[in-house]
Amino acid sequence: METTHAYPARMPTLIFWLLVIAAVVFFQLTTRAERRAMIETYWVIIVLLGALGFLWQFLRQGTFSS
């Protein structure tokens, strides 16, 4: 049976475990206050990107409905 995947079958597992290791290292190297500030910054960026998307759609299409 021929596969059409462009990556090895074990690649998702490897990526998952690399992300787990990165999360553990991140929590070990940062303080609670630093993590809180990073999470707050993340949500501000997400909200601003969402608002920018609405504005972009309004400017391009003249409406907020698709």
PDB file of N, CA and C in Angstrom:
ATOM      1  N   MET A   1       0.841  -1.184   0.000  1.00  0.00           N
ATOM      2  CA  MET A   1       0.000   0.000   0.000  1.00  0.00           C
ATOM      3  C   MET A   1       0.886   1.247   0.000  1.00  0.00           C
ATOM      4  N   GLU A   2       0.617   2.152  -0.889  1.00  0.00           N
ATOM      5  CA  GLU A   2       1.431   3.347  -1.036  1.00  0.00           C
ATOM      6  C   GLU A   2       0.880   4.464  -0.146  1.00  0.00           C
ATOM      7  N   THR A   3       1.765   5.144   0.528  1.00  0.00           N
ATOM      8  CA  THR A   3       1.340   6.242   1.397  1.00  0.00           C
ATOM      9  C   THR A   3       1.559   7.576   0.691  1.00  0.00           C
ATOM     10  N   THR A   4       0.718   8.538   1.005  1.00  0.00           N
ATOM     11  CA  THR A   4       0.835   9.866   0.394  1.00  0.00           C
ATOM     12  C   THR A   4       1.340  10.900   1.388  1.00  0.00           C
ATOM     13  N   HIS A   5       1.726  10.448   2.602  1.00  0.00           N
ATOM     14  CA  HIS A   5       2.208  11.380   3.601  1.00  0.00           C
ATOM     15  C   HIS A   5       3.604  11.871   3.237  1.00  0.00           C
ATOM     16  N   ALA A   6       3.836  13.137   3.507  1.00  0.00           N
ATOM     17  CA  ALA A   6       5.134  13.732   3.209  1.00  0.00           C
ATOM     18  C   ALA A   6       6.070  13.670   4.413  1.00  0.00           C
ATOM     19  N   TYR A   7       5.626  13.104   5.521  1.00  0.00           N
ATOM     20  CA  TYR A   7       6.446  13.010   6.716  1.00  0.00           C
ATOM     21  C   TYR A   7       6.411  11.583   7.243  1.00  0.00           C
ATOM     22  N   PRO A   8       7.425  11.190   8.006  1.00  0.00           N
ATOM     23  CA  PRO A   8       7.433   9.834   8.569  1.00  0.00           C
ATOM     24  C   PRO A   8       6.248   9.626   9.511  1.00  0.00           C
ATOM     25  N   ALA A   9       5.791   8.411   9.649  1.00  0.00           N
ATOM     26  CA  ALA A   9       4.621   8.109  10.463  1.00  0.00           C
ATOM     27  C   ALA A   9       4.826   8.490  11.919  1.00  0.00           C
ATOM     28  N   ARG A  10       6.054   8.521  12.393  1.00  0.00           N
ATOM     29  CA  ARG A  10       6.331   8.831  13.799  1.00  0.00           C
ATOM     30  C   ARG A  10       6.499  10.328  14.052  1.00  0.00           C
ATOM     31  N   MET A  11       6.433  11.149  13.025  1.00  0.00           N
ATOM     32  CA  MET A  11       6.678  12.583  13.187  1.00  0.00           C
ATOM     33  C   MET A  11       5.709  13.250  14.168  1.00  0.00           C
ATOM     34  N   PRO A  12       4.398  13.007  14.128  1.00  0.00           N
ATOM     35  CA  PRO A  12       3.511  13.648  15.111  1.00  0.00           C
ATOM     36  C   PRO A  12       3.876  13.290  16.553  1.00  0.00           C
ATOM     37  N   THR A  13       4.300  12.059  16.800  1.00  0.00           N
ATOM     38  CA  THR A  13       4.712  11.651  18.139  1.00  0.00           C
ATOM     39  C   THR A  13       5.951  12.414  18.563  1.00  0.00           C
ATOM     40  N   LEU A  14       6.893  12.550  17.676  1.00  0.00           N
ATOM     41  CA  LEU A  14       8.122  13.290  17.971  1.00  0.00           C
ATOM     42  C   LEU A  14       7.804  14.750  18.290  1.00  0.00           C
ATOM     43  N   ILE A  15       6.964  15.367  17.503  1.00  0.00           N
ATOM     44  CA  ILE A  15       6.591  16.764  17.737  1.00  0.00           C
ATOM     45  C   ILE A  15       5.888  16.910  19.082  1.00  0.00           C
ATOM     46  N   PHE A  16       4.985  15.988  19.408  1.00  0.00           N
ATOM     47  CA  PHE A  16       4.277  16.035  20.684  1.00  0.00           C
ATOM     48  C   PHE A  16       5.257  16.010  21.850  1.00  0.00           C
ATOM     49  N   TRP A  17       6.190  15.065  21.833  1.00  0.00           N
ATOM     50  CA  TRP A  17       7.120  14.944  22.954  1.00  0.00           C
ATOM     51  C   TRP A  17       8.093  16.112  23.020  1.00  0.00           C
ATOM     52  N   LEU A  18       8.467  16.667  21.895  1.00  0.00           N
ATOM     53  CA  LEU A  18       9.305  17.865  21.909  1.00  0.00           C
ATOM     54  C   LEU A  18       8.561  19.041  22.539  1.00  0.00           C
ATOM     55  N   LEU A  19       7.257  19.152  22.258  1.00  0.00           N
ATOM     56  CA  LEU A  19       6.456  20.210  22.872  1.00  0.00           C
ATOM     57  C   LEU A  19       6.302  19.996  24.377  1.00  0.00           C
ATOM     58  N   VAL A  20       6.150  18.752  24.807  1.00  0.00           N
ATOM     59  CA  VAL A  20       6.063  18.448  26.245  1.00  0.00           C
ATOM     60  C   VAL A  20       7.366  18.834  26.941  1.00  0.00           C
ATOM     61  N   ILE A  21       8.490  18.464  26.351  1.00  0.00           N
ATOM     62  CA  ILE A  21       9.794  18.806  26.925  1.00  0.00           C
ATOM     63  C   ILE A  21       9.970  20.318  26.969  1.00  0.00           C
ATOM     64  N   ALA A  22       9.585  21.012  25.907  1.00  0.00           N
ATOM     65  CA  ALA A  22       9.701  22.479  25.879  1.00  0.00           C
ATOM     66  C   ALA A  22       8.840  23.113  26.963  1.00  0.00           C
ATOM     67  N   ALA A  23       7.630  22.575  27.186  1.00  0.00           N
ATOM     68  CA  ALA A  23       6.754  23.120  28.233  1.00  0.00           C
ATOM     69  C   ALA A  23       7.365  22.917  29.611  1.00  0.00           C
ATOM     70  N   VAL A  24       7.930  21.744  29.871  1.00  0.00           N
ATOM     71  CA  VAL A  24       8.551  21.478  31.173  1.00  0.00           C
ATOM     72  C   VAL A  24       9.744  22.407  31.390  1.00  0.00           C
ATOM     73  N   VAL A  25      10.572  22.559  30.394  1.00  0.00           N
ATOM     74  CA  VAL A  25      11.732  23.449  30.512  1.00  0.00           C
ATOM     75  C   VAL A  25      11.268  24.891  30.717  1.00  0.00           C
ATOM     76  N   PHE A  26      10.237  25.306  29.993  1.00  0.00           N
ATOM     77  CA  PHE A  26       9.701  26.659  30.128  1.00  0.00           C
ATOM     78  C   PHE A  26       9.233  26.910  31.560  1.00  0.00           C
ATOM     79  N   PHE A  27       8.510  25.965  32.137  1.00  0.00           N
ATOM     80  CA  PHE A  27       8.015  26.131  33.496  1.00  0.00           C
ATOM     81  C   PHE A  27       9.146  26.110  34.519  1.00  0.00           C
ATOM     82  N   GLN A  28      10.220  25.390  34.243  1.00  0.00           N
ATOM     83  CA  GLN A  28      11.349  25.354  35.168  1.00  0.00           C
ATOM     84  C   GLN A  28      12.181  26.640  35.118  1.00  0.00           C
ATOM     85  N   LEU A  29      12.214  27.293  33.965  1.00  0.00           N
ATOM     86  CA  LEU A  29      13.075  28.463  33.785  1.00  0.00           C
ATOM     87  C   LEU A  29      12.378  29.790  34.060  1.00  0.00           C
ATOM     88  N   THR A  30      11.059  29.787  34.226  1.00  0.00           N
ATOM     89  CA  THR A  30      10.339  31.035  34.433  1.00  0.00           C
ATOM     90  C   THR A  30       9.645  31.034  35.790  1.00  0.00           C
ATOM     91  N   THR A  31       9.416  32.230  36.298  1.00  0.00           N
ATOM     92  CA  THR A  31       8.683  32.369  37.549  1.00  0.00           C
ATOM     93  C   THR A  31       7.189  32.509  37.249  1.00  0.00           C
ATOM     94  N   ARG A  32       6.379  32.394  38.293  1.00  0.00           N
ATOM     95  CA  ARG A  32       4.934  32.529  38.123  1.00  0.00           C
ATOM     96  C   ARG A  32       4.585  33.911  37.560  1.00  0.00           C
ATOM     97  N   ALA A  33       5.249  34.960  38.042  1.00  0.00           N
ATOM     98  CA  ALA A  33       4.974  36.320  37.566  1.00  0.00           C
ATOM     99  C   ALA A  33       5.339  36.469  36.084  1.00  0.00           C
ATOM    100  N   GLU A  34       6.462  35.874  35.683  1.00  0.00           N
ATOM    101  CA  GLU A  34       6.858  35.946  34.268  1.00  0.00           C
ATOM    102  C   GLU A  34       5.860  35.214  33.380  1.00  0.00           C
ATOM    103  N   ARG A  35       5.429  34.034  33.824  1.00  0.00           N
ATOM    104  CA  ARG A  35       4.438  33.283  33.035  1.00  0.00           C
ATOM    105  C   ARG A  35       3.139  34.057  32.924  1.00  0.00           C
ATOM    106  N   ARG A  36       2.704  34.662  34.030  1.00  0.00           N
ATOM    107  CA  ARG A  36       1.466  35.439  34.017  1.00  0.00           C
ATOM    108  C   ARG A  36       1.562  36.592  33.016  1.00  0.00           C
ATOM    109  N   ALA A  37       2.695  37.299  33.012  1.00  0.00           N
ATOM    110  CA  ALA A  37       2.890  38.410  32.084  1.00  0.00           C
ATOM    111  C   ALA A  37       2.889  37.919  30.636  1.00  0.00           C
ATOM    112  N   MET A  38       3.524  36.767  30.382  1.00  0.00           N
ATOM    113  CA  MET A  38       3.558  36.220  29.017  1.00  0.00           C
ATOM    114  C   MET A  38       2.159  35.822  28.546  1.00  0.00           C
ATOM    115  N   ILE A  39       1.380  35.232  29.440  1.00  0.00           N
ATOM    116  CA  ILE A  39       0.026  34.814  29.075  1.00  0.00           C
ATOM    117  C   ILE A  39      -0.857  36.030  28.819  1.00  0.00           C
ATOM    118  N   GLU A  40      -0.719  37.067  29.641  1.00  0.00           N
ATOM    119  CA  GLU A  40      -1.483  38.293  29.415  1.00  0.00           C
ATOM    120  C   GLU A  40      -1.108  38.922  28.072  1.00  0.00           C
ATOM    121  N   THR A  41       0.173  38.949  27.776  1.00  0.00           N
ATOM    122  CA  THR A  41       0.619  39.487  26.487  1.00  0.00           C
ATOM    123  C   THR A  41       0.070  38.667  25.334  1.00  0.00           C
ATOM    124  N   TYR A  42       0.053  37.343  25.481  1.00  0.00           N
ATOM    125  CA  TYR A  42      -0.485  36.455  24.449  1.00  0.00           C
ATOM    126  C   TYR A  42      -1.946  36.791  24.161  1.00  0.00           C
ATOM    127  N   TRP A  43      -2.769  36.952  25.211  1.00  0.00           N
ATOM    128  CA  TRP A  43      -4.188  37.240  25.003  1.00  0.00           C
ATOM    129  C   TRP A  43      -4.408  38.613  24.393  1.00  0.00           C
ATOM    130  N   VAL A  44      -3.586  39.583  24.771  1.00  0.00           N
ATOM    131  CA  VAL A  44      -3.695  40.910  24.158  1.00  0.00           C
ATOM    132  C   VAL A  44      -3.404  40.818  22.669  1.00  0.00           C
ATOM    133  N   ILE A  45      -2.380  40.071  22.299  1.00  0.00           N
ATOM    134  CA  ILE A  45      -2.038  39.901  20.881  1.00  0.00           C
ATOM    135  C   ILE A  45      -3.171  39.208  20.135  1.00  0.00           C
ATOM    136  N   ILE A  46      -3.770  38.166  20.731  1.00  0.00           N
ATOM    137  CA  ILE A  46      -4.864  37.440  20.080  1.00  0.00           C
ATOM    138  C   ILE A  46      -6.055  38.367  19.858  1.00  0.00           C
ATOM    139  N   VAL A  47      -6.411  39.152  20.865  1.00  0.00           N
ATOM    140  CA  VAL A  47      -7.542  40.076  20.739  1.00  0.00           C
ATOM    141  C   VAL A  47      -7.253  41.127  19.668  1.00  0.00           C
ATOM    142  N   LEU A  48      -6.055  41.677  19.662  1.00  0.00           N
ATOM    143  CA  LEU A  48      -5.708  42.681  18.655  1.00  0.00           C
ATOM    144  C   LEU A  48      -5.712  42.100  17.247  1.00  0.00           C
ATOM    145  N   LEU A  49      -5.235  40.863  17.092  1.00  0.00           N
ATOM    146  CA  LEU A  49      -5.277  40.227  15.768  1.00  0.00           C
ATOM    147  C   LEU A  49      -6.721  39.992  15.319  1.00  0.00           C
ATOM    148  N   GLY A  50      -7.594  39.619  16.247  1.00  0.00           N
ATOM    149  CA  GLY A  50      -9.001  39.442  15.917  1.00  0.00           C
ATOM    150  C   GLY A  50      -9.643  40.748  15.485  1.00  0.00           C
ATOM    151  N   ALA A  51      -9.365  41.825  16.217  1.00  0.00           N
ATOM    152  CA  ALA A  51      -9.905  43.134  15.852  1.00  0.00           C
ATOM    153  C   ALA A  51      -9.363  43.587  14.502  1.00  0.00           C
ATOM    154  N   LEU A  52      -8.092  43.335  14.274  1.00  0.00           N
ATOM    155  CA  LEU A  52      -7.498  43.680  12.983  1.00  0.00           C
ATOM    156  C   LEU A  52      -8.151  42.890  11.851  1.00  0.00           C
ATOM    157  N   GLY A  53      -8.477  41.624  12.108  1.00  0.00           N
ATOM    158  CA  GLY A  53      -9.165  40.813  11.094  1.00  0.00           C
ATOM    159  C   GLY A  53     -10.537  41.357  10.751  1.00  0.00           C
ATOM    160  N   PHE A  54     -11.299  41.765  11.787  1.00  0.00           N
ATOM    161  CA  PHE A  54     -12.604  42.366  11.527  1.00  0.00           C
ATOM    162  C   PHE A  54     -12.464  43.649  10.722  1.00  0.00           C
ATOM    163  N   LEU A  55     -11.505  44.496  11.116  1.00  0.00           N
ATOM    164  CA  LEU A  55     -11.280  45.748  10.398  1.00  0.00           C
ATOM    165  C   LEU A  55     -10.866  45.484   8.953  1.00  0.00           C
ATOM    166  N   TRP A  56      -9.979  44.533   8.741  1.00  0.00           N
ATOM    167  CA  TRP A  56      -9.518  44.183   7.393  1.00  0.00           C
ATOM    168  C   TRP A  56     -10.688  43.712   6.529  1.00  0.00           C
ATOM    169  N   GLN A  57     -11.549  42.851   7.098  1.00  0.00           N
ATOM    170  CA  GLN A  57     -12.702  42.359   6.351  1.00  0.00           C
ATOM    171  C   GLN A  57     -13.644  43.509   6.016  1.00  0.00           C
ATOM    172  N   PHE A  58     -13.863  44.405   6.954  1.00  0.00           N
ATOM    173  CA  PHE A  58     -14.749  45.545   6.706  1.00  0.00           C
ATOM    174  C   PHE A  58     -14.196  46.444   5.607  1.00  0.00           C
ATOM    175  N   LEU A  59     -12.895  46.704   5.640  1.00  0.00           N
ATOM    176  CA  LEU A  59     -12.286  47.551   4.624  1.00  0.00           C
ATOM    177  C   LEU A  59     -12.290  46.899   3.244  1.00  0.00           C
ATOM    178  N   ARG A  60     -12.103  45.573   3.204  1.00  0.00           N
ATOM    179  CA  ARG A  60     -12.040  44.867   1.918  1.00  0.00           C
ATOM    180  C   ARG A  60     -13.428  44.611   1.323  1.00  0.00           C
ATOM    181  N   GLN A  61     -14.425  44.268   2.191  1.00  0.00           N
ATOM    182  CA  GLN A  61     -15.724  43.870   1.689  1.00  0.00           C
ATOM    183  C   GLN A  61     -16.839  44.848   2.010  1.00  0.00           C
ATOM    184  N   GLY A  62     -16.588  45.804   2.889  1.00  0.00           N
ATOM    185  CA  GLY A  62     -17.596  46.789   3.243  1.00  0.00           C
ATOM    186  C   GLY A  62     -18.667  46.257   4.177  1.00  0.00           C
ATOM    187  N   THR A  63     -18.479  45.066   4.723  1.00  0.00           N
ATOM    188  CA  THR A  63     -19.447  44.483   5.641  1.00  0.00           C
ATOM    189  C   THR A  63     -18.740  43.492   6.546  1.00  0.00           C
ATOM    190  N   PHE A  64     -19.369  43.200   7.699  1.00  0.00           N
ATOM    191  CA  PHE A  64     -18.807  42.206   8.613  1.00  0.00           C
ATOM    192  C   PHE A  64     -19.352  40.814   8.347  1.00  0.00           C
ATOM    193  N   SER A  65     -20.413  40.718   7.570  1.00  0.00           N
ATOM    194  CA  SER A  65     -20.963  39.384   7.268  1.00  0.00           C
ATOM    195  C   SER A  65     -20.287  38.813   6.044  1.00  0.00           C
ATOM    196  N   SER A  66     -20.167  37.509   5.995  1.00  0.00           N
ATOM    197  CA  SER A  66     -19.519  36.892   4.831  1.00  0.00           C
ATOM    198  C   SER A  66     -20.567  36.598   3.853  1.00  0.00           C
TER     199      SER A  66
END
